[in-house]
Amino acid sequence: MKLQVAMDLLTIEDALTLAGQVAEYVDIIELGTPLIKAAGLAVVTAVKNAHPDKLVFADMKTMDAGELEADIAFKAGADLVSILGTADDSTIAGAVKAAKAHNKGIVVDLIGVEDKVTRAKEARTLGAKFVEMHAGLDEQAKPGYDLTGLLRAGEEARVPFSVAGGVNLSTIEAVQRAGAEVAVVGGSIYSAADPAQAAKDLRDAIVGSLAAIG
């Protein structure tokens, strides 16, 4: 299972600093939507130039003009671009067309999608590299929230998926056991007193869990 750091920061400088701290331990560096809105796609280029060996994920959360927006992000250096699962099929298909032209990938983000299982299968049929079982920060803040629903949807959909929404050291094993290809970790890394150590601990937990499962 790959480890993805989601960086919900606001400046290129902060993004480069955090990426430099955690790159050794992560596989995918995600530039969060607030970061892209605040700093522009220049942050994608900067991070990709600094870490060419890492997959850079532009979390565009595109809802329309899929081919155009994906093309712009890929040209900026992104390896993966997110399209919302609530978007029209044609928007996802357009983004996939751009991804194929650049030999890159589209991730369909299922945040806000009620029937995640059905939409996950549809997104995969449309050409998504994988889907993201995602609960946003606002949903996570609701009383009683936990990862169980996301993990269950991922297991049932039987397509390649990532999980985002409260993944941390205490839940990483459950994410791996559910069969996720990617664990997406945000605040547990970027808000930690020592982001590098936090990322290392998560990496070690993944390796340890894999050994236990094996």
N, C-alpha and C. Protein backbone atom coordinates (compact mmCIF):
# COMPACT_ATOMS: atom_id res chain seq x y z
N MET A 1 0.84 -1.20 0.00
CA MET A 1 0.00 0.00 0.00
C MET A 1 0.87 1.24 0.00
N LYS A 2 0.52 2.19 -0.85
CA LYS A 2 1.26 3.44 -0.93
C LYS A 2 0.80 4.42 0.14
N LEU A 3 1.71 5.30 0.54
CA LEU A 3 1.39 6.34 1.50
C LEU A 3 1.38 7.69 0.78
N GLN A 4 0.29 8.41 0.92
CA GLN A 4 0.12 9.72 0.27
C GLN A 4 -0.03 10.79 1.34
N VAL A 5 0.80 11.82 1.27
CA VAL A 5 0.65 12.94 2.19
C VAL A 5 -0.18 14.01 1.51
N ALA A 6 -1.25 14.45 2.18
CA ALA A 6 -2.11 15.50 1.66
C ALA A 6 -1.72 16.80 2.34
N MET A 7 -1.22 17.74 1.56
CA MET A 7 -0.69 18.98 2.14
C MET A 7 -1.70 20.11 1.97
N ASP A 8 -2.45 20.37 3.02
CA ASP A 8 -3.42 21.47 3.00
C ASP A 8 -2.78 22.71 3.60
N LEU A 9 -1.70 23.14 2.96
CA LEU A 9 -0.99 24.35 3.35
C LEU A 9 -1.39 25.47 2.41
N LEU A 10 -0.76 26.63 2.52
CA LEU A 10 -1.22 27.76 1.70
C LEU A 10 -0.13 28.45 0.89
N THR A 11 1.13 28.05 1.06
CA THR A 11 2.19 28.71 0.30
C THR A 11 3.12 27.68 -0.33
N ILE A 12 3.77 28.09 -1.41
CA ILE A 12 4.74 27.22 -2.06
C ILE A 12 5.89 26.91 -1.12
N GLU A 13 6.32 27.91 -0.38
CA GLU A 13 7.44 27.73 0.55
C GLU A 13 7.13 26.67 1.60
N ASP A 14 5.93 26.75 2.19
CA ASP A 14 5.55 25.76 3.20
C ASP A 14 5.42 24.36 2.58
N ALA A 15 4.90 24.31 1.36
CA ALA A 15 4.74 23.02 0.69
C ALA A 15 6.11 22.39 0.42
N LEU A 16 7.05 23.18 -0.04
CA LEU A 16 8.38 22.66 -0.31
C LEU A 16 9.07 22.20 0.97
N THR A 17 8.85 22.95 2.04
CA THR A 17 9.45 22.57 3.32
C THR A 17 8.91 21.23 3.80
N LEU A 18 7.59 21.10 3.79
CA LEU A 18 6.99 19.86 4.26
C LEU A 18 7.36 18.69 3.35
N ALA A 19 7.31 18.91 2.04
CA ALA A 19 7.67 17.84 1.11
C ALA A 19 9.09 17.37 1.35
N GLY A 20 9.98 18.29 1.61
CA GLY A 20 11.35 17.93 1.89
C GLY A 20 11.51 17.10 3.15
N GLN A 21 10.66 17.37 4.13
CA GLN A 21 10.72 16.63 5.40
C GLN A 21 10.22 15.20 5.26
N VAL A 22 9.19 15.00 4.44
CA VAL A 22 8.52 13.70 4.44
C VAL A 22 8.74 12.86 3.18
N ALA A 23 9.36 13.41 2.16
CA ALA A 23 9.47 12.72 0.88
C ALA A 23 10.09 11.33 1.00
N GLU A 24 11.02 11.17 1.91
CA GLU A 24 11.70 9.88 2.09
C GLU A 24 10.73 8.77 2.45
N TYR A 25 9.61 9.13 3.07
CA TYR A 25 8.71 8.12 3.62
C TYR A 25 7.39 7.98 2.86
N VAL A 26 7.13 8.86 1.91
CA VAL A 26 5.85 8.81 1.20
C VAL A 26 6.06 8.48 -0.27
N ASP A 27 4.99 8.00 -0.91
CA ASP A 27 5.04 7.65 -2.32
C ASP A 27 4.40 8.73 -3.19
N ILE A 28 3.38 9.38 -2.64
CA ILE A 28 2.62 10.38 -3.39
C ILE A 28 2.54 11.66 -2.57
N ILE A 29 2.83 12.78 -3.22
CA ILE A 29 2.72 14.09 -2.57
C ILE A 29 1.51 14.79 -3.16
N GLU A 30 0.49 14.95 -2.32
CA GLU A 30 -0.74 15.60 -2.77
C GLU A 30 -0.73 17.08 -2.41
N LEU A 31 -0.98 17.90 -3.38
CA LEU A 31 -1.11 19.34 -3.17
C LEU A 31 -2.59 19.63 -3.05
N GLY A 32 -3.02 19.92 -1.82
CA GLY A 32 -4.43 20.06 -1.52
C GLY A 32 -5.12 21.19 -2.26
N THR A 33 -6.42 21.10 -2.34
CA THR A 33 -7.20 22.12 -3.05
C THR A 33 -6.98 23.53 -2.51
N PRO A 34 -6.98 23.74 -1.18
CA PRO A 34 -6.70 25.09 -0.68
C PRO A 34 -5.32 25.61 -1.11
N LEU A 35 -4.34 24.71 -1.15
CA LEU A 35 -2.99 25.11 -1.56
C LEU A 35 -2.96 25.53 -3.01
N ILE A 36 -3.60 24.75 -3.87
CA ILE A 36 -3.62 25.10 -5.30
C ILE A 36 -4.39 26.40 -5.53
N LYS A 37 -5.48 26.60 -4.79
CA LYS A 37 -6.24 27.84 -4.95
C LYS A 37 -5.45 29.04 -4.45
N ALA A 38 -4.68 28.86 -3.39
CA ALA A 38 -3.92 29.97 -2.82
C ALA A 38 -2.64 30.27 -3.60
N ALA A 39 -1.96 29.21 -4.04
CA ALA A 39 -0.64 29.40 -4.66
C ALA A 39 -0.63 29.20 -6.17
N GLY A 40 -1.70 28.64 -6.70
CA GLY A 40 -1.73 28.38 -8.13
C GLY A 40 -0.98 27.11 -8.49
N LEU A 41 -1.04 26.75 -9.77
CA LEU A 41 -0.40 25.52 -10.21
C LEU A 41 1.12 25.60 -10.23
N ALA A 42 1.64 26.79 -9.94
CA ALA A 42 3.10 26.90 -9.80
C ALA A 42 3.61 26.00 -8.69
N VAL A 43 2.77 25.73 -7.70
CA VAL A 43 3.19 24.85 -6.60
C VAL A 43 3.37 23.42 -7.10
N VAL A 44 2.58 23.01 -8.08
CA VAL A 44 2.74 21.67 -8.66
C VAL A 44 4.10 21.57 -9.33
N THR A 45 4.43 22.57 -10.12
CA THR A 45 5.72 22.57 -10.82
C THR A 45 6.88 22.59 -9.84
N ALA A 46 6.76 23.41 -8.80
CA ALA A 46 7.85 23.54 -7.82
C ALA A 46 8.09 22.23 -7.10
N VAL A 47 7.03 21.57 -6.66
CA VAL A 47 7.18 20.33 -5.91
C VAL A 47 7.67 19.20 -6.82
N LYS A 48 7.17 19.14 -8.05
CA LYS A 48 7.63 18.10 -8.97
C LYS A 48 9.10 18.29 -9.30
N ASN A 49 9.52 19.52 -9.49
CA ASN A 49 10.94 19.78 -9.78
C ASN A 49 11.82 19.40 -8.60
N ALA A 50 11.31 19.62 -7.40
CA ALA A 50 12.09 19.30 -6.20
C ALA A 50 12.12 17.80 -5.92
N HIS A 51 11.05 17.09 -6.33
CA HIS A 51 10.95 15.66 -6.03
C HIS A 51 10.48 14.89 -7.28
N PRO A 52 11.32 14.85 -8.30
CA PRO A 52 10.91 14.21 -9.56
C PRO A 52 10.65 12.72 -9.45
N ASP A 53 11.14 12.10 -8.39
CA ASP A 53 10.95 10.66 -8.21
C ASP A 53 9.64 10.32 -7.52
N LYS A 54 8.90 11.34 -7.08
CA LYS A 54 7.63 11.12 -6.40
C LYS A 54 6.45 11.41 -7.33
N LEU A 55 5.34 10.71 -7.09
CA LEU A 55 4.11 11.05 -7.80
C LEU A 55 3.53 12.31 -7.17
N VAL A 56 3.23 13.29 -8.00
CA VAL A 56 2.63 14.54 -7.51
C VAL A 56 1.16 14.57 -7.91
N PHE A 57 0.32 14.74 -6.91
CA PHE A 57 -1.13 14.67 -7.07
C PHE A 57 -1.69 16.09 -6.93
N ALA A 58 -2.26 16.60 -8.02
CA ALA A 58 -2.92 17.91 -7.98
C ALA A 58 -4.39 17.68 -7.64
N ASP A 59 -4.77 18.05 -6.42
CA ASP A 59 -6.15 17.82 -5.97
C ASP A 59 -7.04 18.95 -6.46
N MET A 60 -7.34 18.91 -7.74
CA MET A 60 -8.11 19.97 -8.39
C MET A 60 -9.60 19.92 -8.03
N LYS A 61 -10.10 18.73 -7.71
CA LYS A 61 -11.54 18.54 -7.46
C LYS A 61 -12.38 19.17 -8.58
N THR A 62 -11.99 18.88 -9.79
CA THR A 62 -12.66 19.44 -10.97
C THR A 62 -14.09 18.93 -11.08
N MET A 63 -15.00 19.86 -11.40
CA MET A 63 -16.42 19.52 -11.54
C MET A 63 -16.90 19.71 -12.98
N ASP A 64 -16.15 20.46 -13.78
CA ASP A 64 -16.53 20.75 -15.16
C ASP A 64 -15.24 21.00 -15.94
N ALA A 65 -15.36 20.99 -17.27
CA ALA A 65 -14.19 21.22 -18.14
C ALA A 65 -13.06 20.26 -17.78
N GLY A 66 -13.40 18.99 -17.66
CA GLY A 66 -12.46 17.99 -17.20
C GLY A 66 -11.20 17.87 -18.04
N GLU A 67 -11.36 17.82 -19.34
CA GLU A 67 -10.18 17.67 -20.20
C GLU A 67 -9.26 18.88 -20.10
N LEU A 68 -9.84 20.07 -20.11
CA LEU A 68 -9.05 21.30 -20.06
C LEU A 68 -8.31 21.43 -18.73
N GLU A 69 -9.03 21.27 -17.63
CA GLU A 69 -8.38 21.46 -16.33
C GLU A 69 -7.33 20.38 -16.05
N ALA A 70 -7.61 19.16 -16.45
CA ALA A 70 -6.61 18.10 -16.26
C ALA A 70 -5.38 18.37 -17.11
N ASP A 71 -5.59 18.81 -18.33
CA ASP A 71 -4.47 19.11 -19.23
C ASP A 71 -3.58 20.20 -18.64
N ILE A 72 -4.19 21.23 -18.08
CA ILE A 72 -3.42 22.31 -17.47
C ILE A 72 -2.57 21.78 -16.32
N ALA A 73 -3.17 20.94 -15.48
CA ALA A 73 -2.45 20.40 -14.33
C ALA A 73 -1.33 19.46 -14.76
N PHE A 74 -1.59 18.63 -15.75
CA PHE A 74 -0.55 17.72 -16.22
C PHE A 74 0.62 18.50 -16.82
N LYS A 75 0.31 19.54 -17.56
CA LYS A 75 1.38 20.36 -18.14
C LYS A 75 2.21 21.06 -17.06
N ALA A 76 1.60 21.28 -15.90
CA ALA A 76 2.32 21.91 -14.79
C ALA A 76 3.21 20.92 -14.05
N GLY A 77 3.04 19.62 -14.35
CA GLY A 77 3.89 18.62 -13.73
C GLY A 77 3.19 17.57 -12.91
N ALA A 78 1.87 17.63 -12.83
CA ALA A 78 1.13 16.66 -12.03
C ALA A 78 1.18 15.27 -12.67
N ASP A 79 1.23 14.26 -11.83
CA ASP A 79 1.13 12.88 -12.29
C ASP A 79 -0.29 12.35 -12.13
N LEU A 80 -1.00 12.89 -11.15
CA LEU A 80 -2.37 12.51 -10.87
C LEU A 80 -3.20 13.77 -10.68
N VAL A 81 -4.45 13.73 -11.13
CA VAL A 81 -5.36 14.87 -10.98
C VAL A 81 -6.72 14.32 -10.53
N SER A 82 -7.36 15.03 -9.59
CA SER A 82 -8.65 14.56 -9.10
C SER A 82 -9.82 15.25 -9.80
N ILE A 83 -10.83 14.43 -10.09
CA ILE A 83 -12.10 14.88 -10.64
C ILE A 83 -13.18 14.43 -9.66
N LEU A 84 -14.17 15.25 -9.41
CA LEU A 84 -15.21 14.88 -8.47
C LEU A 84 -16.13 13.80 -9.05
N GLY A 85 -16.48 12.85 -8.20
CA GLY A 85 -17.36 11.78 -8.64
C GLY A 85 -18.77 12.26 -8.95
N THR A 86 -19.13 13.42 -8.41
CA THR A 86 -20.45 13.98 -8.70
C THR A 86 -20.50 14.69 -10.05
N ALA A 87 -19.35 14.80 -10.70
CA ALA A 87 -19.32 15.42 -12.02
C ALA A 87 -19.99 14.52 -13.05
N ASP A 88 -20.37 15.10 -14.17
CA ASP A 88 -20.97 14.34 -15.26
C ASP A 88 -19.96 13.33 -15.81
N ASP A 89 -20.46 12.24 -16.34
CA ASP A 89 -19.57 11.23 -16.92
C ASP A 89 -18.67 11.83 -17.99
N SER A 90 -19.20 12.78 -18.74
CA SER A 90 -18.41 13.38 -19.81
C SER A 90 -17.23 14.17 -19.27
N THR A 91 -17.38 14.73 -18.08
CA THR A 91 -16.28 15.46 -17.45
C THR A 91 -15.16 14.50 -17.06
N ILE A 92 -15.53 13.37 -16.49
CA ILE A 92 -14.54 12.36 -16.13
C ILE A 92 -13.88 11.81 -17.38
N ALA A 93 -14.67 11.51 -18.39
CA ALA A 93 -14.13 10.97 -19.64
C ALA A 93 -13.16 11.95 -20.29
N GLY A 94 -13.49 13.23 -20.24
CA GLY A 94 -12.61 14.24 -20.81
C GLY A 94 -11.28 14.30 -20.08
N ALA A 95 -11.34 14.21 -18.77
CA ALA A 95 -10.11 14.23 -17.97
C ALA A 95 -9.26 13.00 -18.26
N VAL A 96 -9.91 11.85 -18.42
CA VAL A 96 -9.19 10.63 -18.74
C VAL A 96 -8.52 10.76 -20.11
N LYS A 97 -9.18 11.41 -21.03
CA LYS A 97 -8.58 11.64 -22.35
C LYS A 97 -7.29 12.45 -22.22
N ALA A 98 -7.32 13.50 -21.39
CA ALA A 98 -6.11 14.29 -21.16
C ALA A 98 -5.04 13.46 -20.48
N ALA A 99 -5.44 12.62 -19.53
CA ALA A 99 -4.47 11.77 -18.84
C ALA A 99 -3.76 10.82 -19.80
N LYS A 100 -4.52 10.24 -20.70
CA LYS A 100 -3.94 9.32 -21.68
C LYS A 100 -2.95 10.04 -22.58
N ALA A 101 -3.27 11.29 -22.94
CA ALA A 101 -2.39 12.06 -23.81
C ALA A 101 -1.05 12.35 -23.13
N HIS A 102 -1.07 12.45 -21.81
CA HIS A 102 0.15 12.75 -21.05
C HIS A 102 0.74 11.52 -20.37
N ASN A 103 0.09 10.37 -20.55
CA ASN A 103 0.51 9.13 -19.88
C ASN A 103 0.50 9.31 -18.37
N LYS A 104 -0.57 9.92 -17.87
CA LYS A 104 -0.75 10.18 -16.44
C LYS A 104 -2.05 9.54 -15.96
N GLY A 105 -2.53 9.94 -14.78
CA GLY A 105 -3.71 9.27 -14.23
C GLY A 105 -4.74 10.20 -13.63
N ILE A 106 -5.98 9.76 -13.68
CA ILE A 106 -7.10 10.50 -13.07
C ILE A 106 -7.61 9.73 -11.85
N VAL A 107 -7.81 10.47 -10.78
CA VAL A 107 -8.39 9.90 -9.56
C VAL A 107 -9.78 10.52 -9.40
N VAL A 108 -10.79 9.70 -9.27
CA VAL A 108 -12.15 10.20 -9.07
C VAL A 108 -12.44 10.23 -7.58
N ASP A 109 -12.66 11.42 -7.07
CA ASP A 109 -12.88 11.66 -5.64
C ASP A 109 -14.37 11.53 -5.33
N LEU A 110 -14.71 10.62 -4.44
CA LEU A 110 -16.11 10.32 -4.15
C LEU A 110 -16.66 11.09 -2.96
N ILE A 111 -16.02 12.18 -2.59
CA ILE A 111 -16.53 13.04 -1.52
C ILE A 111 -17.94 13.51 -1.90
N GLY A 112 -18.86 13.37 -0.98
CA GLY A 112 -20.24 13.83 -1.22
C GLY A 112 -21.09 12.89 -2.04
N VAL A 113 -20.53 11.78 -2.50
CA VAL A 113 -21.30 10.80 -3.27
C VAL A 113 -21.98 9.84 -2.30
N GLU A 114 -23.28 9.71 -2.41
CA GLU A 114 -24.03 8.87 -1.48
C GLU A 114 -23.74 7.39 -1.71
N ASP A 115 -23.90 6.96 -2.96
CA ASP A 115 -23.66 5.55 -3.30
C ASP A 115 -22.25 5.42 -3.86
N LYS A 116 -21.29 5.32 -2.97
CA LYS A 116 -19.88 5.29 -3.39
C LYS A 116 -19.53 4.01 -4.15
N VAL A 117 -20.17 2.93 -3.81
CA VAL A 117 -19.86 1.66 -4.46
C VAL A 117 -20.20 1.70 -5.95
N THR A 118 -21.42 2.12 -6.24
CA THR A 118 -21.85 2.18 -7.64
C THR A 118 -21.01 3.18 -8.43
N ARG A 119 -20.79 4.37 -7.85
CA ARG A 119 -20.04 5.39 -8.57
C ARG A 119 -18.58 4.99 -8.76
N ALA A 120 -18.05 4.26 -7.81
CA ALA A 120 -16.67 3.79 -7.93
C ALA A 120 -16.53 2.88 -9.15
N LYS A 121 -17.47 1.98 -9.30
CA LYS A 121 -17.43 1.06 -10.45
C LYS A 121 -17.58 1.83 -11.76
N GLU A 122 -18.48 2.81 -11.76
CA GLU A 122 -18.69 3.61 -12.97
C GLU A 122 -17.43 4.40 -13.32
N ALA A 123 -16.81 4.98 -12.31
CA ALA A 123 -15.60 5.78 -12.54
C ALA A 123 -14.47 4.93 -13.11
N ARG A 124 -14.35 3.74 -12.59
CA ARG A 124 -13.32 2.83 -13.09
C ARG A 124 -13.58 2.47 -14.55
N THR A 125 -14.85 2.23 -14.88
CA THR A 125 -15.22 1.93 -16.27
C THR A 125 -14.89 3.10 -17.19
N LEU A 126 -15.03 4.32 -16.66
CA LEU A 126 -14.73 5.53 -17.44
C LEU A 126 -13.23 5.76 -17.60
N GLY A 127 -12.42 5.01 -16.88
CA GLY A 127 -10.98 5.10 -17.07
C GLY A 127 -10.19 5.66 -15.91
N ALA A 128 -10.81 5.85 -14.76
CA ALA A 128 -10.08 6.36 -13.59
C ALA A 128 -8.99 5.36 -13.19
N LYS A 129 -7.84 5.88 -12.83
CA LYS A 129 -6.75 5.03 -12.36
C LYS A 129 -7.15 4.37 -11.04
N PHE A 130 -7.71 5.17 -10.15
CA PHE A 130 -8.34 4.64 -8.94
C PHE A 130 -9.34 5.67 -8.43
N VAL A 131 -10.15 5.26 -7.47
CA VAL A 131 -11.13 6.17 -6.87
C VAL A 131 -10.69 6.46 -5.44
N GLU A 132 -11.14 7.58 -4.93
CA GLU A 132 -10.82 7.96 -3.56
C GLU A 132 -12.06 7.91 -2.69
N MET A 133 -12.07 7.00 -1.73
CA MET A 133 -13.13 6.96 -0.73
C MET A 133 -12.81 8.06 0.28
N HIS A 134 -13.56 9.14 0.22
CA HIS A 134 -13.14 10.38 0.87
C HIS A 134 -14.26 10.98 1.73
N ALA A 135 -13.92 11.28 2.95
CA ALA A 135 -14.78 12.10 3.81
C ALA A 135 -14.02 13.39 4.09
N GLY A 136 -14.63 14.51 3.79
CA GLY A 136 -13.96 15.79 3.96
C GLY A 136 -13.84 16.22 5.41
N LEU A 137 -13.12 17.31 5.61
CA LEU A 137 -12.88 17.81 6.97
C LEU A 137 -14.18 18.13 7.68
N ASP A 138 -15.14 18.70 6.97
CA ASP A 138 -16.41 19.06 7.60
C ASP A 138 -17.16 17.81 8.05
N GLU A 139 -17.15 16.78 7.20
CA GLU A 139 -17.83 15.53 7.57
C GLU A 139 -17.13 14.86 8.74
N GLN A 140 -15.80 14.90 8.73
CA GLN A 140 -15.04 14.28 9.82
C GLN A 140 -15.33 14.95 11.17
N ALA A 141 -15.69 16.23 11.12
CA ALA A 141 -15.94 16.98 12.35
C ALA A 141 -17.28 16.65 12.99
N LYS A 142 -18.13 15.92 12.27
CA LYS A 142 -19.44 15.57 12.82
C LYS A 142 -19.30 14.53 13.94
N PRO A 143 -20.13 14.61 14.95
CA PRO A 143 -20.07 13.64 16.05
C PRO A 143 -20.27 12.21 15.55
N GLY A 144 -19.44 11.32 16.03
CA GLY A 144 -19.59 9.90 15.71
C GLY A 144 -18.95 9.45 14.42
N TYR A 145 -18.25 10.35 13.70
CA TYR A 145 -17.64 9.95 12.44
C TYR A 145 -16.52 8.93 12.68
N ASP A 146 -16.46 7.93 11.80
CA ASP A 146 -15.28 7.06 11.76
C ASP A 146 -15.10 6.56 10.33
N LEU A 147 -14.04 5.82 10.12
CA LEU A 147 -13.66 5.37 8.77
C LEU A 147 -14.45 4.16 8.27
N THR A 148 -15.24 3.58 9.11
CA THR A 148 -15.84 2.28 8.78
C THR A 148 -16.60 2.30 7.46
N GLY A 149 -17.39 3.33 7.25
CA GLY A 149 -18.18 3.40 6.02
C GLY A 149 -17.33 3.46 4.77
N LEU A 150 -16.24 4.22 4.83
CA LEU A 150 -15.34 4.32 3.68
C LEU A 150 -14.67 2.99 3.39
N LEU A 151 -14.22 2.33 4.44
CA LEU A 151 -13.54 1.05 4.25
C LEU A 151 -14.49 0.00 3.71
N ARG A 152 -15.72 0.00 4.20
CA ARG A 152 -16.71 -0.96 3.72
C ARG A 152 -17.01 -0.72 2.24
N ALA A 153 -17.14 0.54 1.86
CA ALA A 153 -17.41 0.86 0.45
C ALA A 153 -16.25 0.42 -0.43
N GLY A 154 -15.03 0.64 0.04
CA GLY A 154 -13.87 0.22 -0.73
C GLY A 154 -13.82 -1.28 -0.94
N GLU A 155 -14.09 -2.01 0.12
CA GLU A 155 -14.09 -3.47 0.03
C GLU A 155 -15.17 -3.97 -0.92
N GLU A 156 -16.35 -3.34 -0.87
CA GLU A 156 -17.47 -3.80 -1.67
C GLU A 156 -17.33 -3.44 -3.15
N ALA A 157 -16.71 -2.30 -3.43
CA ALA A 157 -16.61 -1.84 -4.81
C ALA A 157 -15.70 -2.73 -5.65
N ARG A 158 -14.66 -3.26 -5.02
CA ARG A 158 -13.73 -4.15 -5.72
C ARG A 158 -13.07 -3.48 -6.92
N VAL A 159 -12.70 -2.23 -6.75
CA VAL A 159 -11.90 -1.52 -7.73
C VAL A 159 -10.73 -0.89 -6.97
N PRO A 160 -9.65 -0.50 -7.65
CA PRO A 160 -8.54 0.14 -6.96
C PRO A 160 -9.02 1.42 -6.26
N PHE A 161 -8.68 1.57 -4.98
CA PHE A 161 -9.16 2.73 -4.25
C PHE A 161 -8.15 3.23 -3.23
N SER A 162 -8.29 4.51 -2.91
CA SER A 162 -7.55 5.12 -1.81
C SER A 162 -8.56 5.50 -0.73
N VAL A 163 -8.05 5.80 0.46
CA VAL A 163 -8.92 6.21 1.57
C VAL A 163 -8.39 7.51 2.15
N ALA A 164 -9.27 8.50 2.28
CA ALA A 164 -8.90 9.79 2.85
C ALA A 164 -10.02 10.24 3.78
N GLY A 165 -9.63 10.60 5.00
CA GLY A 165 -10.65 11.08 5.92
C GLY A 165 -10.45 10.53 7.32
N GLY A 166 -9.38 10.98 7.99
CA GLY A 166 -9.13 10.49 9.33
C GLY A 166 -8.18 9.32 9.39
N VAL A 167 -7.37 9.13 8.33
CA VAL A 167 -6.37 8.07 8.37
C VAL A 167 -5.20 8.55 9.24
N ASN A 168 -4.85 7.73 10.21
CA ASN A 168 -3.75 8.07 11.11
C ASN A 168 -3.10 6.79 11.60
N LEU A 169 -2.21 6.92 12.57
CA LEU A 169 -1.47 5.75 13.03
C LEU A 169 -2.38 4.68 13.63
N SER A 170 -3.48 5.11 14.21
CA SER A 170 -4.39 4.14 14.85
C SER A 170 -5.31 3.45 13.86
N THR A 171 -5.46 4.01 12.66
CA THR A 171 -6.38 3.42 11.68
C THR A 171 -5.68 2.86 10.45
N ILE A 172 -4.38 3.06 10.34
CA ILE A 172 -3.67 2.69 9.11
C ILE A 172 -3.75 1.19 8.84
N GLU A 173 -3.72 0.37 9.88
CA GLU A 173 -3.79 -1.08 9.67
C GLU A 173 -5.14 -1.48 9.10
N ALA A 174 -6.22 -0.86 9.60
CA ALA A 174 -7.56 -1.17 9.09
C ALA A 174 -7.69 -0.78 7.63
N VAL A 175 -7.07 0.33 7.26
CA VAL A 175 -7.09 0.78 5.86
C VAL A 175 -6.40 -0.26 4.97
N GLN A 176 -5.26 -0.73 5.44
CA GLN A 176 -4.52 -1.73 4.66
C GLN A 176 -5.28 -3.04 4.56
N ARG A 177 -5.89 -3.44 5.66
CA ARG A 177 -6.63 -4.70 5.65
C ARG A 177 -7.86 -4.64 4.75
N ALA A 178 -8.40 -3.43 4.55
CA ALA A 178 -9.55 -3.26 3.67
C ALA A 178 -9.17 -3.40 2.20
N GLY A 179 -7.88 -3.39 1.91
CA GLY A 179 -7.43 -3.58 0.54
C GLY A 179 -7.14 -2.30 -0.22
N ALA A 180 -7.03 -1.18 0.50
CA ALA A 180 -6.74 0.09 -0.18
C ALA A 180 -5.37 0.05 -0.84
N GLU A 181 -5.28 0.67 -2.00
CA GLU A 181 -3.99 0.79 -2.67
C GLU A 181 -3.20 1.97 -2.13
N VAL A 182 -3.92 2.98 -1.62
CA VAL A 182 -3.27 4.20 -1.13
C VAL A 182 -3.94 4.65 0.16
N ALA A 183 -3.13 4.97 1.15
CA ALA A 183 -3.62 5.60 2.38
C ALA A 183 -3.26 7.07 2.32
N VAL A 184 -4.26 7.93 2.43
CA VAL A 184 -4.06 9.37 2.33
C VAL A 184 -4.07 9.97 3.73
N VAL A 185 -2.97 10.60 4.10
CA VAL A 185 -2.83 11.16 5.45
C VAL A 185 -2.53 12.65 5.34
N GLY A 186 -3.35 13.44 6.02
CA GLY A 186 -3.17 14.89 6.00
C GLY A 186 -2.66 15.42 7.31
N GLY A 187 -3.59 15.85 8.15
CA GLY A 187 -3.26 16.52 9.40
C GLY A 187 -2.35 15.73 10.32
N SER A 188 -2.46 14.41 10.29
CA SER A 188 -1.62 13.60 11.17
C SER A 188 -0.15 13.72 10.83
N ILE A 189 0.13 14.18 9.62
CA ILE A 189 1.52 14.45 9.22
C ILE A 189 1.82 15.94 9.29
N TYR A 190 1.04 16.77 8.57
CA TYR A 190 1.44 18.18 8.48
C TYR A 190 1.20 18.98 9.75
N SER A 191 0.35 18.46 10.64
CA SER A 191 0.14 19.16 11.91
C SER A 191 0.98 18.58 13.05
N ALA A 192 1.74 17.55 12.76
CA ALA A 192 2.56 16.92 13.79
C ALA A 192 3.73 17.82 14.18
N ALA A 193 4.18 17.66 15.41
CA ALA A 193 5.34 18.43 15.87
C ALA A 193 6.57 18.08 15.05
N ASP A 194 6.65 16.82 14.61
CA ASP A 194 7.76 16.35 13.77
C ASP A 194 7.16 15.60 12.59
N PRO A 195 6.85 16.31 11.49
CA PRO A 195 6.21 15.66 10.34
C PRO A 195 7.00 14.48 9.79
N ALA A 196 8.32 14.59 9.78
CA ALA A 196 9.14 13.50 9.25
C ALA A 196 8.96 12.24 10.09
N GLN A 197 8.97 12.39 11.41
CA GLN A 197 8.79 11.24 12.28
C GLN A 197 7.39 10.66 12.13
N ALA A 198 6.40 11.53 11.99
CA ALA A 198 5.03 11.07 11.81
C ALA A 198 4.90 10.24 10.53
N ALA A 199 5.51 10.73 9.45
CA ALA A 199 5.47 10.00 8.18
C ALA A 199 6.22 8.67 8.30
N LYS A 200 7.36 8.68 8.98
CA LYS A 200 8.14 7.46 9.17
C LYS A 200 7.35 6.44 9.98
N ASP A 201 6.67 6.89 11.02
CA ASP A 201 5.88 5.98 11.84
C ASP A 201 4.77 5.32 11.02
N LEU A 202 4.14 6.11 10.14
CA LEU A 202 3.09 5.56 9.29
C LEU A 202 3.67 4.57 8.29
N ARG A 203 4.80 4.90 7.70
CA ARG A 203 5.47 3.97 6.78
C ARG A 203 5.82 2.67 7.49
N ASP A 204 6.38 2.78 8.68
CA ASP A 204 6.74 1.58 9.44
C ASP A 204 5.50 0.75 9.77
N ALA A 205 4.40 1.42 10.09
CA ALA A 205 3.15 0.71 10.40
C ALA A 205 2.63 -0.05 9.18
N ILE A 206 2.76 0.56 8.01
CA ILE A 206 2.34 -0.11 6.77
C ILE A 206 3.18 -1.35 6.53
N VAL A 207 4.47 -1.21 6.67
CA VAL A 207 5.37 -2.35 6.47
C VAL A 207 5.07 -3.46 7.47
N GLY A 208 4.87 -3.05 8.73
CA GLY A 208 4.57 -4.03 9.77
C GLY A 208 3.25 -4.72 9.54
N SER A 209 2.24 -3.97 9.10
CA SER A 209 0.92 -4.54 8.84
C SER A 209 0.98 -5.50 7.66
N LEU A 210 1.76 -5.13 6.64
CA LEU A 210 1.91 -6.00 5.47
C LEU A 210 2.53 -7.34 5.86
N ALA A 211 3.53 -7.27 6.75
CA ALA A 211 4.17 -8.50 7.21
C ALA A 211 3.18 -9.36 7.98
N ALA A 212 2.33 -8.72 8.79
CA ALA A 212 1.35 -9.46 9.59
C ALA A 212 0.30 -10.10 8.71
N ILE A 213 -0.15 -9.34 7.68
CA ILE A 213 -1.16 -9.87 6.76
C ILE A 213 -0.59 -11.03 5.97
N GLY A 214 0.70 -10.86 5.56
CA GLY A 214 1.35 -11.89 4.77
C GLY A 214 1.57 -13.17 5.56
